[in-house]
Amino acid sequence: MNNKYKAITDFLFTTPMPTLKICSNSMQPLLTEGQQISILPLRRPLTCGKCYIFVYKGKLFVHRLIRTMNSKAVFIADSAQKNEVVPIDAIIAEPVLYQKRISIFIVRMLNYFFYFFIKKFPFLARLRVKTVRGIIKCERALYERGI
């Protein structure tokens, strides 16, 4: 692991269960601005479709991994339309997300599908965002009803 990233992880994991505050709505509706999330040290291997915390341009981000290639990882936010390509060493932790239902699997598959087709058909980017938001809203409604 790169020394600058090691310093960040050493700082983050000095407490038993560190938390981070979400500062934007890029992962909405799964994570919203102001929400506190707990984080765990990174466990290998990386899994496409899961959310990870990584360092990008000097800031910490929580986004969904959609692809790994050589020593790089491609991330996308659930409500954004652009990708971030970062070195695998920049991935430092994973958030503790309590929604572990089938809809997360569906969102993973949709993100993977749209990743390959958005370049050819740009109008799909907005459709992807609307679809992901709709799935997670339905999931939350089912969760609140106890179904």
Protein backbone atom coordinates (compact mmCIF):
# COMPACT_ATOMS: atom_id res chain seq x y z
CA MET A 1 0.00 0.00 0.00
CA ASN A 2 1.24 3.49 -0.82
CA ASN A 3 2.62 5.43 2.17
CA LYS A 4 0.22 8.38 1.78
CA TYR A 5 -2.79 6.05 1.78
CA LYS A 6 -1.37 4.07 4.73
CA ALA A 7 -1.26 7.28 6.77
CA ILE A 8 -4.97 7.87 6.06
CA THR A 9 -5.96 4.33 7.03
CA ASP A 10 -3.86 4.49 10.19
CA PHE A 11 -5.64 7.72 11.13
CA LEU A 12 -9.12 6.36 10.34
CA PHE A 13 -8.75 3.11 12.22
CA THR A 14 -7.38 4.48 15.50
CA THR A 15 -10.92 4.15 16.94
CA PRO A 16 -12.75 0.80 17.22
CA MET A 17 -15.61 1.75 14.85
CA PRO A 18 -14.77 4.89 12.87
CA THR A 19 -17.54 6.85 11.16
CA LEU A 20 -17.62 9.27 8.25
CA LYS A 21 -20.19 11.91 7.42
CA ILE A 22 -21.52 11.95 3.86
CA CYS A 23 -21.00 15.43 2.34
CA SER A 24 -22.85 15.13 -0.98
CA ASN A 25 -25.80 13.44 -2.63
CA SER A 26 -23.83 11.57 -5.31
CA MET A 27 -24.85 8.18 -3.88
CA GLN A 28 -28.47 9.17 -3.33
CA PRO A 29 -30.86 7.50 -2.53
CA LEU A 30 -28.65 4.85 -0.86
CA LEU A 31 -26.58 7.45 1.03
CA THR A 32 -27.72 11.02 1.56
CA GLU A 33 -25.92 14.19 2.60
CA GLY A 34 -25.37 14.42 6.36
CA GLN A 35 -25.76 10.69 6.94
CA GLN A 36 -23.14 9.04 9.19
CA ILE A 37 -21.70 5.72 8.02
CA SER A 38 -19.49 3.28 9.86
CA ILE A 39 -16.46 1.96 8.02
CA LEU A 40 -14.44 -1.23 8.13
CA PRO A 41 -10.89 -1.91 6.96
CA LEU A 42 -10.69 -3.09 3.37
CA ARG A 43 -11.10 -6.82 2.88
CA ARG A 44 -9.73 -8.33 -0.31
CA PRO A 45 -10.74 -9.33 -2.95
CA LEU A 46 -12.70 -6.41 -4.35
CA THR A 47 -16.21 -7.20 -5.56
CA CYS A 48 -17.80 -5.33 -8.45
CA GLY A 49 -21.07 -3.72 -7.41
CA LYS A 50 -20.06 -3.11 -3.79
CA CYS A 51 -19.41 0.35 -2.36
CA TYR A 52 -15.91 1.29 -1.25
CA ILE A 53 -14.19 4.31 0.27
CA PHE A 54 -11.26 5.62 -1.74
CA VAL A 55 -8.99 8.64 -2.02
CA TYR A 56 -9.40 10.72 -5.19
CA LYS A 57 -7.85 14.15 -5.73
CA GLY A 58 -7.09 14.44 -2.02
CA LYS A 59 -10.64 13.69 -0.82
CA LEU A 60 -12.43 10.61 0.47
CA PHE A 61 -15.23 9.25 -1.71
CA VAL A 62 -17.84 6.52 -1.27
CA HIS A 63 -18.81 5.12 -4.66
CA ARG A 64 -19.74 1.81 -6.27
CA LEU A 65 -17.01 -0.30 -7.90
CA ILE A 66 -18.01 -1.32 -11.42
CA ARG A 67 -14.78 -2.68 -12.85
CA THR A 68 -11.16 -3.53 -12.06
CA MET A 69 -8.47 -3.63 -14.70
CA ASN A 70 -4.75 -4.25 -14.07
CA SER A 71 -3.94 -1.97 -11.13
CA LYS A 72 -6.88 0.42 -11.64
CA ALA A 73 -10.47 0.46 -10.40
CA VAL A 74 -13.45 2.18 -12.04
CA PHE A 75 -16.08 3.69 -9.73
CA ILE A 76 -19.44 5.31 -10.40
CA ALA A 77 -21.83 7.17 -8.13
CA ASP A 78 -25.45 5.99 -8.04
CA SER A 79 -26.83 9.40 -9.08
CA ALA A 80 -23.95 10.74 -11.20
CA GLN A 81 -23.10 10.13 -14.81
CA LYS A 82 -19.30 10.10 -14.77
CA ASN A 83 -16.76 7.51 -13.71
CA GLU A 84 -13.66 7.84 -11.55
CA VAL A 85 -10.63 5.71 -12.38
CA VAL A 86 -8.32 5.32 -9.38
CA PRO A 87 -5.37 3.09 -8.50
CA ILE A 88 -6.38 0.04 -6.49
CA ASP A 89 -4.03 1.24 -3.72
CA ALA A 90 -6.31 4.28 -3.25
CA ILE A 91 -9.17 2.07 -2.03
CA ILE A 92 -8.86 2.19 1.74
CA ALA A 93 -12.08 0.94 3.36
CA GLU A 94 -15.64 -0.23 2.89
CA PRO A 95 -18.76 1.30 4.40
CA VAL A 96 -21.12 -0.70 6.59
CA LEU A 97 -24.40 -0.64 4.68
CA TYR A 98 -27.36 -2.28 6.32
CA GLN A 99 -29.47 -2.79 3.20
CA LYS A 100 -28.46 -6.28 2.09
CA ARG A 101 -31.50 -7.23 0.03
CA ILE A 102 -32.02 -8.30 -3.57
CA SER A 103 -32.38 -4.70 -4.82
CA ILE A 104 -28.67 -4.06 -4.20
CA PHE A 105 -27.89 -6.99 -6.49
CA ILE A 106 -30.20 -5.52 -9.14
CA VAL A 107 -28.52 -2.10 -8.85
CA ARG A 108 -25.13 -3.74 -9.27
CA MET A 109 -26.23 -5.51 -12.44
CA LEU A 110 -27.83 -2.36 -13.88
CA ASN A 111 -24.69 -0.31 -13.21
CA TYR A 112 -22.60 -2.96 -14.93
CA PHE A 113 -24.98 -3.09 -17.92
CA PHE A 114 -25.23 0.69 -18.30
CA TYR A 115 -21.45 1.15 -17.97
CA PHE A 116 -20.92 -0.55 -21.33
CA PHE A 117 -23.81 1.07 -23.20
CA ILE A 118 -23.71 4.70 -22.02
CA LYS A 119 -20.79 5.55 -24.32
CA LYS A 120 -22.78 4.38 -27.34
CA PHE A 121 -26.17 5.66 -26.20
CA PRO A 122 -25.75 8.74 -23.95
CA PHE A 123 -29.49 9.02 -23.21
CA LEU A 124 -29.17 5.87 -21.08
CA ALA A 125 -27.27 7.80 -18.40
CA ARG A 126 -30.42 9.56 -17.18
CA LEU A 127 -32.41 6.34 -17.45
CA ARG A 128 -29.83 4.59 -15.25
CA VAL A 129 -30.12 7.24 -12.54
CA LYS A 130 -33.93 7.12 -12.57
CA THR A 131 -33.98 3.33 -12.52
CA VAL A 132 -31.56 3.05 -9.59
CA ARG A 133 -33.50 5.68 -7.62
CA GLY A 134 -36.78 3.87 -8.25
CA ILE A 135 -35.42 0.49 -7.17
CA ILE A 136 -33.98 1.85 -3.92
CA LYS A 137 -37.17 3.81 -3.14
CA CYS A 138 -39.18 0.60 -3.54
CA GLU A 139 -36.68 -1.24 -1.35
CA ARG A 140 -36.98 1.36 1.40
CA ALA A 141 -40.78 1.24 1.25
CA LEU A 142 -40.72 -2.57 1.61
CA TYR A 143 -38.21 -2.35 4.45
CA GLU A 144 -40.34 0.19 6.34
CA ARG A 145 -43.40 -2.05 5.99
CA GLY A 146 -41.43 -5.04 7.25
CA ILE A 147 -41.85 -7.08 4.09
